[in-house]
Amino acid sequence: MAAPYELWETRTALGAMRAVKPETWMFGQFFNRQVTTESEWIDFEKLPVPTRRLAAFVKPMGRGTSVYNDTSRSLRFKPANIVVEEQIDPMRLLSTAPGIDAMLEPMNISPAQRRNLLRVAMTEQALMAIERRWEWMRARAIIDGAVTVRYEDAQSVVVDFGRAAGHTETLSSGSRFGDSGVSVLDKIQAIIDKMVAVEFGGVPTKVTMGGGVWAVIRKDAELLEAMKFEQQRTDINVERGLLANAQKVFQVGSITVGGSSGQRLELWVNNETYVDNSGTSQRYLGNKDVVITASPEAIMGMQVFGRIIDMDADFRALPIFPKNFMKGDRVKTEHMSWESAPLMVPINPDATYKIVSAVN
């Protein structure tokens, strides 16, 4: 007699995962390449920036000098593991289940049908939690240049991507936006110069700020005066009125770098939040902080996924491995798990810049 209680095979679970509608992640735009690795470690190699050396003068028939540089830099990281596990309570299969049945008109469905619907609902929430953790890792890599992995046993590991110390700047009182004599445009110009000059840097394309910074910048007298003067050329454009924007991420203006024919530097506000393991709501970007970023091509963000250490996964490197299994002897309970071994790596972290406490 065949077992009446069938578990989902991996193919079925993957099919349910593909049916989940993904969210649009703000920091995901900087990580548009995906790599899987069968090794315990994730290795990258950075080739040197083309040299600016001049060819040497020599006398007729003299020997030349070398300018060729074949050195490289190696980077090695180890991915962390994420696991979500849910138990399917058998009693939930016998009665109305929130999120499965209609609130006022319970569906007349069998326990087996309700079990499949519950599996789908659990899969959707598990995927969103895992992808939200990916977004948190991407945000930390872009904003902080490092990711601190804190395990359930309270141990922690810092993965430092090697961003230059000068690319994280904390402003003190008297030097913050909104303080007397402080020029927002001069500060942005200084950061542009620094990001362009550094090796493996890039020309900024976005200034993303917390809502507290925007509340100050939108009233900045220099920006408002510049818009009045440049209104025919539209080199500077900042929203001055009220914004009825339901989104937590929205564009509030732009500045053209290099004149009217130059590159556009977009101004964005990010008020996104997540809920940490203690149940507390946290911001991805601090309310008074700013992160300035070059293009995704300059940052070269990589979404890397390592091996899933599980025989049922054949130890393959997968973004997410879903699993449906039973536990117990006399009374069995059904469980589902979703595992990932991610690391979000900005190959060129110096193409990012963070300002801490940009306003009072």
Protein backbone atom coordinates (compact mmCIF):
# COMPACT_ATOMS: atom_id res chain seq x y z
CA MET A 1 0.00 0.00 0.00
CA ALA A 2 1.44 3.37 -0.98
CA ALA A 3 1.98 5.91 1.77
CA PRO A 4 -1.04 8.27 1.79
CA TYR A 5 1.07 11.13 3.09
CA GLU A 6 3.40 12.32 0.35
CA LEU A 7 6.20 14.81 0.82
CA TRP A 8 7.15 17.39 -1.75
CA GLU A 9 10.09 16.42 -3.87
CA THR A 10 12.72 19.08 -4.55
CA ARG A 11 11.37 19.80 -8.04
CA THR A 12 7.88 20.51 -6.67
CA ALA A 13 9.29 22.75 -3.94
CA LEU A 14 11.37 24.68 -6.48
CA GLY A 15 8.25 25.13 -8.59
CA ALA A 16 6.41 26.66 -5.62
CA MET A 17 9.38 28.96 -5.02
CA ARG A 18 9.33 30.23 -8.60
CA ALA A 19 5.67 31.17 -8.21
CA VAL A 20 6.50 33.65 -5.43
CA LYS A 21 6.47 37.22 -6.70
CA PRO A 22 9.82 38.86 -5.82
CA GLU A 23 10.09 42.30 -4.28
CA THR A 24 12.12 45.10 -5.83
CA TRP A 25 15.16 45.49 -3.64
CA MET A 26 16.86 48.91 -3.61
CA PHE A 27 20.38 47.63 -2.85
CA GLY A 28 19.96 44.65 -5.15
CA GLN A 29 20.58 46.95 -8.12
CA PHE A 30 24.29 46.99 -7.25
CA PHE A 31 24.60 43.19 -7.34
CA ASN A 32 23.58 42.19 -10.85
CA ARG A 33 25.88 39.19 -11.21
CA GLN A 34 25.38 35.79 -9.63
CA VAL A 35 28.08 33.19 -9.01
CA THR A 36 27.90 29.74 -7.42
CA THR A 37 31.00 28.10 -6.00
CA GLU A 38 31.61 24.46 -5.14
CA SER A 39 34.53 25.43 -2.89
CA GLU A 40 34.44 26.20 0.82
CA TRP A 41 35.89 29.62 -0.01
CA ILE A 42 34.95 32.39 -2.43
CA ASP A 43 37.98 33.74 -4.26
CA PHE A 44 38.30 36.86 -6.40
CA GLU A 45 41.22 38.43 -8.20
CA LYS A 46 41.51 42.13 -9.02
CA LEU A 47 43.75 43.08 -11.93
CA PRO A 48 45.71 46.34 -11.70
CA VAL A 49 44.29 49.59 -13.00
CA PRO A 50 46.07 50.54 -16.28
CA THR A 51 49.22 52.45 -15.44
CA ARG A 52 49.55 56.21 -15.95
CA ARG A 53 53.31 56.04 -16.23
CA LEU A 54 55.00 57.90 -19.07
CA ALA A 55 57.40 56.19 -21.41
CA ALA A 56 60.97 57.17 -20.53
CA PHE A 57 63.26 59.28 -22.72
CA VAL A 58 66.38 57.45 -23.88
CA LYS A 59 69.31 58.36 -26.07
CA PRO A 60 69.50 56.97 -29.61
CA MET A 61 70.08 53.20 -29.55
CA GLY A 62 69.47 53.22 -25.79
CA ARG A 63 67.56 50.47 -23.93
CA GLY A 64 63.92 51.05 -23.01
CA THR A 65 62.30 50.78 -19.57
CA SER A 66 59.43 48.52 -18.55
CA VAL A 67 55.93 49.83 -17.81
CA TYR A 68 54.09 46.47 -17.84
CA ASN A 69 52.42 45.55 -14.54
CA ASP A 70 51.17 42.00 -14.12
CA THR A 71 50.52 42.04 -10.38
CA SER A 72 47.04 41.34 -9.01
CA ARG A 73 45.20 41.31 -5.68
CA SER A 74 43.48 38.23 -4.31
CA LEU A 75 40.39 38.37 -2.12
CA ARG A 76 39.01 35.40 -0.16
CA PHE A 77 35.70 35.18 1.68
CA LYS A 78 33.63 32.41 3.25
CA PRO A 79 29.82 32.42 2.93
CA ALA A 80 27.50 32.24 5.93
CA ASN A 81 24.51 29.91 6.13
CA ILE A 82 20.85 30.86 6.43
CA VAL A 83 18.22 28.26 7.36
CA VAL A 84 14.47 28.73 7.83
CA GLU A 85 12.61 25.70 9.21
CA GLU A 86 8.87 25.32 9.75
CA GLN A 87 6.83 22.52 11.33
CA ILE A 88 3.45 21.73 9.80
CA ASP A 89 1.12 21.23 12.73
CA PRO A 90 -1.17 18.28 11.82
CA MET A 91 -4.04 19.86 13.75
CA ARG A 92 -3.97 22.86 11.37
CA LEU A 93 -4.89 20.49 8.55
CA LEU A 94 -8.16 19.54 10.21
CA SER A 95 -9.62 22.99 10.85
CA THR A 96 -9.85 26.48 9.37
CA ALA A 97 -6.37 27.97 8.98
CA PRO A 98 -5.72 31.75 8.89
CA GLY A 99 -4.20 32.78 5.60
CA ILE A 100 -5.46 29.60 3.95
CA ASP A 101 -9.25 29.69 4.29
CA ALA A 102 -11.43 32.72 3.60
CA MET A 103 -12.24 34.59 6.80
CA LEU A 104 -16.04 34.50 6.54
CA GLU A 105 -16.50 31.49 4.27
CA PRO A 106 -14.24 28.59 5.22
CA MET A 107 -13.37 26.42 2.23
CA ASN A 108 -14.61 22.86 2.06
CA ILE A 109 -11.27 21.28 1.30
CA SER A 110 -9.55 18.09 2.38
CA PRO A 111 -6.62 17.94 4.84
CA ALA A 112 -4.35 17.03 1.91
CA GLN A 113 -5.43 20.12 -0.05
CA ARG A 114 -5.06 22.33 3.01
CA ARG A 115 -1.59 20.86 3.60
CA ASN A 116 -0.47 21.88 0.11
CA LEU A 117 -1.86 25.38 0.56
CA LEU A 118 -0.07 25.65 3.90
CA ARG A 119 3.18 24.51 2.30
CA VAL A 120 2.84 27.21 -0.34
CA ALA A 121 2.10 29.89 2.28
CA MET A 122 5.11 28.83 4.36
CA THR A 123 7.32 28.77 1.25
CA GLU A 124 6.30 32.31 0.34
CA GLN A 125 7.13 33.69 3.79
CA ALA A 126 10.38 31.73 4.04
CA LEU A 127 11.58 33.02 0.66
CA MET A 128 10.74 36.59 1.58
CA ALA A 129 12.68 36.23 4.85
CA ILE A 130 15.72 34.78 3.07
CA GLU A 131 15.67 37.35 0.28
CA ARG A 132 15.23 40.10 2.88
CA ARG A 133 18.38 38.79 4.59
CA TRP A 134 20.13 38.94 1.21
CA GLU A 135 19.03 42.55 0.89
CA TRP A 136 20.31 43.28 4.41
CA MET A 137 23.69 41.80 3.44
CA ARG A 138 23.76 43.86 0.24
CA ALA A 139 22.84 47.01 2.18
CA ARG A 140 25.58 46.45 4.76
CA ALA A 141 28.15 45.79 2.03
CA ILE A 142 27.24 49.02 0.20
CA ILE A 143 26.65 51.25 3.22
CA ASP A 144 29.32 49.95 5.64
CA GLY A 145 31.80 48.18 3.34
CA ALA A 146 31.58 45.19 5.70
CA VAL A 147 29.05 42.65 6.98
CA THR A 148 28.89 41.41 10.57
CA VAL A 149 27.43 37.91 10.75
CA ARG A 150 25.98 37.18 14.22
CA TYR A 151 25.12 33.54 14.82
CA GLU A 152 22.39 32.18 17.07
CA ASP A 153 25.01 31.21 19.70
CA ALA A 154 26.02 34.92 19.97
CA GLN A 155 29.34 34.43 18.14
CA SER A 156 30.04 36.91 15.36
CA VAL A 157 32.32 37.21 12.35
CA VAL A 158 33.10 40.42 10.47
CA VAL A 159 33.54 40.12 6.71
CA ASP A 160 35.47 43.25 5.73
CA PHE A 161 35.55 44.02 2.01
CA GLY A 162 38.47 46.42 2.42
CA ARG A 163 36.86 49.78 1.76
CA ALA A 164 39.27 52.66 2.41
CA ALA A 165 38.90 54.06 5.92
CA GLY A 166 38.47 57.55 4.47
CA HIS A 167 35.33 56.44 2.63
CA THR A 168 33.41 56.33 5.92
CA GLU A 169 33.12 59.81 7.37
CA THR A 170 31.39 60.93 10.56
CA LEU A 171 30.44 64.60 10.60
CA SER A 172 30.64 66.52 13.86
CA SER A 173 28.61 69.49 15.04
CA GLY A 174 29.44 72.56 12.98
CA SER A 175 30.29 70.55 9.87
CA ARG A 176 26.90 68.95 9.26
CA PHE A 177 24.37 69.81 6.58
CA GLY A 178 22.23 72.67 7.81
CA ASP A 179 24.97 74.12 10.04
CA SER A 180 26.04 77.69 9.42
CA GLY A 181 28.59 78.02 6.60
CA VAL A 182 28.32 74.38 5.47
CA SER A 183 27.85 73.93 1.72
CA VAL A 184 26.08 70.76 0.59
CA LEU A 185 27.39 71.23 -2.95
CA ASP A 186 30.99 71.69 -1.78
CA LYS A 187 30.76 68.52 0.31
CA ILE A 188 29.35 66.50 -2.56
CA GLN A 189 32.06 67.88 -4.86
CA ALA A 190 34.81 66.86 -2.40
CA ILE A 191 33.40 63.32 -2.23
CA ILE A 192 33.15 63.11 -6.02
CA ASP A 193 36.81 64.13 -6.29
CA LYS A 194 37.84 61.50 -3.73
CA MET A 195 35.83 58.69 -5.33
CA VAL A 196 37.09 59.47 -8.83
CA ALA A 197 40.74 59.72 -7.78
CA VAL A 198 40.96 56.48 -5.77
CA GLU A 199 42.01 53.23 -7.46
CA PHE A 200 38.96 51.07 -8.28
CA GLY A 201 36.65 54.00 -7.49
CA GLY A 202 34.09 55.56 -9.80
CA VAL A 203 32.01 58.59 -10.63
CA PRO A 204 29.03 58.77 -8.23
CA THR A 205 25.58 58.35 -9.77
CA LYS A 206 23.38 58.26 -6.64
CA VAL A 207 23.16 60.05 -3.31
CA THR A 208 20.85 58.06 -1.03
CA MET A 209 19.88 59.60 2.31
CA GLY A 210 17.74 58.89 5.33
CA GLY A 211 14.57 60.90 5.77
CA GLY A 212 16.17 63.10 8.43
CA VAL A 213 18.83 64.26 5.96
CA TRP A 214 16.24 65.03 3.29
CA ALA A 215 14.28 67.18 5.76
CA VAL A 216 17.35 69.45 5.97
CA ILE A 217 18.55 69.35 2.36
CA ARG A 218 15.16 70.24 0.92
CA LYS A 219 15.43 73.61 2.72
CA ASP A 220 19.10 74.27 1.90
CA ALA A 221 19.40 77.92 0.83
CA GLU A 222 22.33 77.29 -1.53
CA LEU A 223 20.49 74.57 -3.45
CA LEU A 224 17.34 76.65 -3.68
CA GLU A 225 19.29 79.66 -4.93
CA ALA A 226 21.17 77.52 -7.45
CA MET A 227 17.89 76.18 -8.80
CA LYS A 228 16.59 79.72 -9.20
CA PHE A 229 19.74 80.76 -11.07
CA GLU A 230 19.95 77.61 -13.18
CA GLN A 231 16.25 77.12 -13.84
CA GLN A 232 16.71 77.46 -17.60
CA ARG A 233 19.44 74.79 -17.66
CA THR A 234 17.94 72.42 -15.06
CA ASP A 235 21.40 71.46 -13.73
CA ILE A 236 19.97 71.20 -10.19
CA ASN A 237 16.49 69.96 -9.42
CA VAL A 238 15.23 69.31 -5.89
CA GLU A 239 11.63 68.73 -4.82
CA ARG A 240 10.49 71.67 -2.70
CA GLY A 241 6.87 70.81 -1.95
CA LEU A 242 5.21 68.05 0.03
CA LEU A 243 5.55 64.47 -1.23
CA ALA A 244 2.58 62.12 -0.99
CA ASN A 245 4.70 59.08 -1.81
CA ALA A 246 3.52 55.77 -0.41
CA GLN A 247 6.89 54.15 -1.17
CA LYS A 248 9.70 54.11 1.38
CA VAL A 249 12.27 54.62 -1.40
CA PHE A 250 11.75 57.57 -3.73
CA GLN A 251 13.72 60.05 -5.82
CA VAL A 252 13.70 63.68 -4.65
CA GLY A 253 15.91 65.40 -7.20
CA SER A 254 19.09 65.35 -9.25
CA ILE A 255 22.28 67.29 -9.86
CA THR A 256 24.14 67.24 -13.16
CA VAL A 257 27.85 66.73 -12.54
CA GLY A 258 29.99 68.55 -15.09
CA GLY A 259 27.44 71.03 -16.42
CA SER A 260 24.32 70.50 -18.46
CA SER A 261 26.05 67.90 -20.65
CA GLY A 262 27.54 65.98 -17.74
CA GLN A 263 26.49 62.92 -15.75
CA ARG A 264 23.34 62.94 -13.66
CA LEU A 265 23.71 62.47 -9.89
CA GLU A 266 20.35 61.31 -8.57
CA LEU A 267 19.09 62.21 -5.09
CA TRP A 268 17.10 59.48 -3.31
CA VAL A 269 15.51 58.93 0.10
CA ASN A 270 15.51 55.47 1.68
CA ASN A 271 13.28 54.93 4.73
CA GLU A 272 13.08 51.15 4.37
CA THR A 273 12.95 48.99 7.49
CA TYR A 274 13.20 45.33 8.45
CA VAL A 275 12.44 43.37 11.62
CA ASP A 276 15.45 41.81 13.34
CA ASN A 277 15.52 38.50 15.25
CA SER A 278 14.40 40.21 18.45
CA GLY A 279 11.29 41.56 16.73
CA THR A 280 12.56 45.15 16.63
CA SER A 281 12.10 47.30 13.54
CA GLN A 282 15.42 48.59 12.17
CA ARG A 283 16.45 50.81 9.25
CA TYR A 284 18.73 49.69 6.45
CA LEU A 285 20.13 53.23 6.18
CA GLY A 286 20.26 55.45 9.27
CA ASN A 287 17.80 58.34 9.40
CA LYS A 288 20.69 60.83 9.54
CA ASP A 289 23.11 58.95 7.28
CA VAL A 290 24.00 59.20 3.59
CA VAL A 291 25.50 56.66 1.18
CA ILE A 292 26.94 57.77 -2.14
CA THR A 293 27.38 55.17 -4.85
CA ALA A 294 28.90 54.87 -8.29
CA SER A 295 27.25 52.76 -10.99
CA PRO A 296 26.65 49.03 -10.49
CA GLU A 297 29.27 48.40 -13.18
CA ALA A 298 31.86 50.33 -11.15
CA ILE A 299 30.97 48.64 -7.84
CA MET A 300 30.84 45.17 -9.48
CA GLY A 301 28.58 43.60 -6.85
CA MET A 302 28.53 39.80 -6.88
CA GLN A 303 25.83 37.59 -5.38
CA VAL A 304 27.80 34.47 -4.47
CA PHE A 305 26.26 31.24 -3.20
CA GLY A 306 28.27 28.41 -1.67
CA ARG A 307 27.63 24.70 -1.17
CA ILE A 308 24.62 23.45 0.76
CA ILE A 309 26.09 21.02 3.29
CA ASP A 310 23.33 18.43 2.99
CA MET A 311 23.39 15.02 1.31
CA ASP A 312 19.85 15.58 0.05
CA ALA A 313 21.16 18.59 -1.89
CA ASP A 314 24.07 16.52 -3.25
CA PHE A 315 26.28 19.23 -1.68
CA ARG A 316 25.46 21.49 -4.62
CA ALA A 317 25.85 25.26 -4.67
CA LEU A 318 22.30 26.62 -4.96
CA PRO A 319 20.84 30.03 -4.10
CA ILE A 320 18.18 28.29 -2.00
CA PHE A 321 17.68 24.57 -1.33
CA PRO A 322 14.12 23.63 -0.26
CA LYS A 323 13.48 20.45 1.68
CA ASN A 324 10.38 18.61 2.93
CA PHE A 325 10.96 15.87 5.53
CA MET A 326 9.50 13.96 8.47
CA LYS A 327 10.68 13.71 12.08
CA GLY A 328 9.74 11.31 14.87
CA ASP A 329 9.10 7.58 15.27
CA ARG A 330 5.65 6.71 16.63
CA VAL A 331 4.10 10.09 15.84
CA LYS A 332 5.67 11.76 12.85
CA THR A 333 5.66 15.48 12.21
CA GLU A 334 6.21 17.14 8.86
CA HIS A 335 8.81 19.86 8.44
CA MET A 336 9.95 22.16 5.66
CA SER A 337 13.28 23.96 5.46
CA TRP A 338 14.95 26.40 3.09
CA GLU A 339 18.73 26.83 3.19
CA SER A 340 21.07 29.31 1.55
CA ALA A 341 24.82 30.01 1.79
CA PRO A 342 25.08 33.59 0.49
CA LEU A 343 27.68 36.31 0.45
CA MET A 344 27.16 39.66 -1.25
CA VAL A 345 30.55 40.96 -2.36
CA PRO A 346 31.24 44.47 -3.72
CA ILE A 347 34.42 43.84 -5.70
CA ASN A 348 35.18 47.59 -5.72
CA PRO A 349 33.97 48.90 -2.33
CA ASP A 350 35.79 52.22 -2.86
CA ALA A 351 33.12 53.06 -5.42
CA THR A 352 30.91 53.71 -2.35
CA TYR A 353 31.06 56.37 0.38
CA LYS A 354 29.20 56.73 3.68
CA ILE A 355 28.47 59.87 5.70
CA VAL A 356 27.44 59.22 9.32
CA SER A 357 25.44 61.87 11.20
CA ALA A 358 25.12 64.16 8.18
CA VAL A 359 22.63 66.35 10.08
CA ASN A 360 22.00 67.28 13.71
